[in-house]
Amino acid sequence: MFAAEVLAYAAGGVLVLWGVAHIAPTRSVASSFGSLSVDNRRVLIMEWVAEGFTHIFVGLLVILITALEGPFAAGSAVVYRAAAAFLALLVVWTAVTGARTPVIWYRICLVVLTAAAALLVAASLV
């Protein structure tokens, strides 16, 4: 297995796992916001799960392009770099929103997504 392949699969795996870990505590996360209107609760749950699904989708996309095209295909490099750019955008968004709260998981998210983005950039350059 090539280094680029290992890096890409690692990034994809981390993103899938982080997405699942994001979705799993949805009920307790929603409860932690206290009393919410039914509509606000639905929107909170929708957005929380949507972010988890997004992580899973990006991770699966990276895994699939690597498995189907290999890490050295031009399309693979495009997917790796686009996914890394998207993750960087999520990192910035999380840094200016959720990570400014006392909830530690938002700060951990910054590390996880930055690491996945770095792995993808490295995979595209190896």
C-alpha atoms as a PDB file:
ATOM      1  CA  MET A   1       0.000   0.000   0.000  1.00  0.00           C
ATOM      2  CA  PHE A   2       1.319   3.440  -0.934  1.00  0.00           C
ATOM      3  CA  ALA A   3       1.812   6.218   1.638  1.00  0.00           C
ATOM      4  CA  ALA A   4      -0.796   8.369  -0.126  1.00  0.00           C
ATOM      5  CA  GLU A   5      -3.288   5.522   0.109  1.00  0.00           C
ATOM      6  CA  VAL A   6      -2.662   5.063   3.833  1.00  0.00           C
ATOM      7  CA  LEU A   7      -3.042   8.806   4.446  1.00  0.00           C
ATOM      8  CA  ALA A   8      -6.265   9.002   2.446  1.00  0.00           C
ATOM      9  CA  TYR A   9      -7.817   5.953   4.100  1.00  0.00           C
ATOM     10  CA  ALA A  10      -6.801   7.275   7.528  1.00  0.00           C
ATOM     11  CA  ALA A  11      -8.454  10.630   6.814  1.00  0.00           C
ATOM     12  CA  GLY A  12     -11.572   8.952   5.456  1.00  0.00           C
ATOM     13  CA  GLY A  13     -11.796   6.598   8.411  1.00  0.00           C
ATOM     14  CA  VAL A  14     -11.346   9.414  10.924  1.00  0.00           C
ATOM     15  CA  LEU A  15     -14.112  11.407   9.244  1.00  0.00           C
ATOM     16  CA  VAL A  16     -16.548   8.481   9.171  1.00  0.00           C
ATOM     17  CA  LEU A  17     -15.865   7.682  12.820  1.00  0.00           C
ATOM     18  CA  TRP A  18     -16.144  11.341  13.833  1.00  0.00           C
ATOM     19  CA  GLY A  19     -19.434  11.617  11.958  1.00  0.00           C
ATOM     20  CA  VAL A  20     -20.859   8.593  13.765  1.00  0.00           C
ATOM     21  CA  ALA A  21     -19.534   9.935  17.075  1.00  0.00           C
ATOM     22  CA  HIS A  22     -21.188  13.252  16.243  1.00  0.00           C
ATOM     23  CA  ILE A  23     -24.602  11.684  15.622  1.00  0.00           C
ATOM     24  CA  ALA A  24     -24.615   9.194  18.513  1.00  0.00           C
ATOM     25  CA  PRO A  25     -25.123  11.717  21.368  1.00  0.00           C
ATOM     26  CA  THR A  26     -27.726  13.825  19.540  1.00  0.00           C
ATOM     27  CA  ARG A  27     -30.456  13.254  22.119  1.00  0.00           C
ATOM     28  CA  SER A  28     -28.227  14.270  25.051  1.00  0.00           C
ATOM     29  CA  VAL A  29     -26.853  17.263  23.128  1.00  0.00           C
ATOM     30  CA  ALA A  30     -30.368  18.501  22.409  1.00  0.00           C
ATOM     31  CA  SER A  31     -31.310  17.986  26.064  1.00  0.00           C
ATOM     32  CA  SER A  32     -28.297  20.009  27.193  1.00  0.00           C
ATOM     33  CA  PHE A  33     -29.857  23.122  25.648  1.00  0.00           C
ATOM     34  CA  GLY A  34     -32.658  22.977  28.177  1.00  0.00           C
ATOM     35  CA  SER A  35     -36.197  23.960  27.386  1.00  0.00           C
ATOM     36  CA  LEU A  36     -36.629  24.636  23.676  1.00  0.00           C
ATOM     37  CA  SER A  37     -39.706  25.094  21.565  1.00  0.00           C
ATOM     38  CA  VAL A  38     -40.591  22.059  19.458  1.00  0.00           C
ATOM     39  CA  ASP A  39     -39.481  23.880  16.292  1.00  0.00           C
ATOM     40  CA  ASN A  40     -36.137  24.959  17.778  1.00  0.00           C
ATOM     41  CA  ARG A  41     -35.499  21.442  19.058  1.00  0.00           C
ATOM     42  CA  ARG A  42     -36.207  20.001  15.600  1.00  0.00           C
ATOM     43  CA  VAL A  43     -33.864  22.490  13.932  1.00  0.00           C
ATOM     44  CA  LEU A  44     -31.111  21.832  16.467  1.00  0.00           C
ATOM     45  CA  ILE A  45     -31.400  18.075  15.946  1.00  0.00           C
ATOM     46  CA  MET A  46     -31.567  18.481  12.172  1.00  0.00           C
ATOM     47  CA  GLU A  47     -28.405  20.594  12.075  1.00  0.00           C
ATOM     48  CA  TRP A  48     -26.507  18.423  14.543  1.00  0.00           C
ATOM     49  CA  VAL A  49     -27.248  15.241  12.582  1.00  0.00           C
ATOM     50  CA  ALA A  50     -26.633  16.984   9.245  1.00  0.00           C
ATOM     51  CA  GLU A  51     -23.089  17.864  10.332  1.00  0.00           C
ATOM     52  CA  GLY A  52     -22.480  14.252  11.343  1.00  0.00           C
ATOM     53  CA  PHE A  53     -23.808  13.033   7.981  1.00  0.00           C
ATOM     54  CA  THR A  54     -21.543  15.557   6.260  1.00  0.00           C
ATOM     55  CA  HIS A  55     -18.466  14.158   7.987  1.00  0.00           C
ATOM     56  CA  ILE A  56     -19.524  10.625   7.051  1.00  0.00           C
ATOM     57  CA  PHE A  57     -20.165  11.603   3.430  1.00  0.00           C
ATOM     58  CA  VAL A  58     -16.804  13.340   3.001  1.00  0.00           C
ATOM     59  CA  GLY A  59     -15.034  10.388   4.619  1.00  0.00           C
ATOM     60  CA  LEU A  60     -16.817   7.869   2.399  1.00  0.00           C
ATOM     61  CA  LEU A  61     -16.115   9.978  -0.688  1.00  0.00           C
ATOM     62  CA  VAL A  62     -12.401   9.943   0.111  1.00  0.00           C
ATOM     63  CA  ILE A  63     -12.454   6.195   0.766  1.00  0.00           C
ATOM     64  CA  LEU A  64     -14.391   5.466  -2.432  1.00  0.00           C
ATOM     65  CA  ILE A  65     -12.229   7.597  -4.735  1.00  0.00           C
ATOM     66  CA  THR A  66      -9.131   6.005  -3.243  1.00  0.00           C
ATOM     67  CA  ALA A  67     -10.500   2.472  -3.631  1.00  0.00           C
ATOM     68  CA  LEU A  68     -11.873   2.993  -7.149  1.00  0.00           C
ATOM     69  CA  GLU A  69      -9.257   5.272  -8.750  1.00  0.00           C
ATOM     70  CA  GLY A  70      -6.228   4.938  -6.520  1.00  0.00           C
ATOM     71  CA  PRO A  71      -4.444   7.740  -4.722  1.00  0.00           C
ATOM     72  CA  PHE A  72      -2.507   8.976  -7.753  1.00  0.00           C
ATOM     73  CA  ALA A  73      -5.416   9.635 -10.137  1.00  0.00           C
ATOM     74  CA  ALA A  74      -6.015  13.275 -10.999  1.00  0.00           C
ATOM     75  CA  GLY A  75      -9.576  12.971  -9.696  1.00  0.00           C
ATOM     76  CA  SER A  76      -8.320  11.656  -6.382  1.00  0.00           C
ATOM     77  CA  ALA A  77      -6.088  14.680  -5.874  1.00  0.00           C
ATOM     78  CA  VAL A  78      -9.032  16.971  -6.652  1.00  0.00           C
ATOM     79  CA  VAL A  79     -11.246  15.154  -4.145  1.00  0.00           C
ATOM     80  CA  TYR A  80      -8.535  15.167  -1.460  1.00  0.00           C
ATOM     81  CA  ARG A  81      -7.832  18.885  -1.861  1.00  0.00           C
ATOM     82  CA  ALA A  82     -11.493  19.890  -2.135  1.00  0.00           C
ATOM     83  CA  ALA A  83     -12.335  17.854   0.952  1.00  0.00           C
ATOM     84  CA  ALA A  84      -9.390  19.409   2.824  1.00  0.00           C
ATOM     85  CA  ALA A  85     -10.542  22.908   1.840  1.00  0.00           C
ATOM     86  CA  PHE A  86     -14.081  22.101   2.961  1.00  0.00           C
ATOM     87  CA  LEU A  87     -12.813  20.761   6.278  1.00  0.00           C
ATOM     88  CA  ALA A  88     -10.728  23.922   6.739  1.00  0.00           C
ATOM     89  CA  LEU A  89     -13.892  25.958   6.219  1.00  0.00           C
ATOM     90  CA  LEU A  90     -15.670  23.870   8.868  1.00  0.00           C
ATOM     91  CA  VAL A  91     -12.727  24.401  11.219  1.00  0.00           C
ATOM     92  CA  VAL A  92     -12.943  28.176  10.801  1.00  0.00           C
ATOM     93  CA  TRP A  93     -16.723  28.127  11.249  1.00  0.00           C
ATOM     94  CA  THR A  94     -16.440  25.979  14.390  1.00  0.00           C
ATOM     95  CA  ALA A  95     -13.635  28.185  15.754  1.00  0.00           C
ATOM     96  CA  VAL A  96     -15.768  31.326  15.549  1.00  0.00           C
ATOM     97  CA  THR A  97     -18.943  29.676  16.847  1.00  0.00           C
ATOM     98  CA  GLY A  98     -19.067  26.495  18.957  1.00  0.00           C
ATOM     99  CA  ALA A  99     -15.425  26.484  20.045  1.00  0.00           C
ATOM    100  CA  ARG A 100     -15.991  29.809  21.797  1.00  0.00           C
ATOM    101  CA  THR A 101     -18.276  28.039  24.287  1.00  0.00           C
ATOM    102  CA  PRO A 102     -17.046  26.053  27.297  1.00  0.00           C
ATOM    103  CA  VAL A 103     -17.973  22.749  25.602  1.00  0.00           C
ATOM    104  CA  ILE A 104     -14.723  20.831  25.081  1.00  0.00           C
ATOM    105  CA  TRP A 105     -16.041  18.729  22.190  1.00  0.00           C
ATOM    106  CA  TYR A 106     -16.065  21.737  19.869  1.00  0.00           C
ATOM    107  CA  ARG A 107     -12.349  22.228  20.507  1.00  0.00           C
ATOM    108  CA  ILE A 108     -11.703  18.528  19.935  1.00  0.00           C
ATOM    109  CA  CYS A 109     -13.612  18.851  16.662  1.00  0.00           C
ATOM    110  CA  LEU A 110     -11.132  21.532  15.562  1.00  0.00           C
ATOM    111  CA  VAL A 111      -8.262  19.088  16.118  1.00  0.00           C
ATOM    112  CA  VAL A 112      -9.977  16.131  14.435  1.00  0.00           C
ATOM    113  CA  LEU A 113     -11.018  18.074  11.330  1.00  0.00           C
ATOM    114  CA  THR A 114      -7.649  19.825  11.046  1.00  0.00           C
ATOM    115  CA  ALA A 115      -5.854  16.478  11.294  1.00  0.00           C
ATOM    116  CA  ALA A 116      -8.099  14.944   8.620  1.00  0.00           C
ATOM    117  CA  ALA A 117      -7.515  17.934   6.339  1.00  0.00           C
ATOM    118  CA  ALA A 118      -3.750  17.699   6.863  1.00  0.00           C
ATOM    119  CA  LEU A 119      -3.816  13.977   6.032  1.00  0.00           C
ATOM    120  CA  LEU A 120      -5.703  14.732   2.813  1.00  0.00           C
ATOM    121  CA  VAL A 121      -3.317  17.490   1.768  1.00  0.00           C
ATOM    122  CA  ALA A 122      -0.408  15.158   2.455  1.00  0.00           C
ATOM    123  CA  ALA A 123      -2.080  12.371   0.461  1.00  0.00           C
ATOM    124  CA  SER A 124      -2.494  14.715  -2.493  1.00  0.00           C
ATOM    125  CA  LEU A 125       1.190  15.711  -2.405  1.00  0.00           C
ATOM    126  CA  VAL A 126       2.932  12.369  -1.780  1.00  0.00           C
END
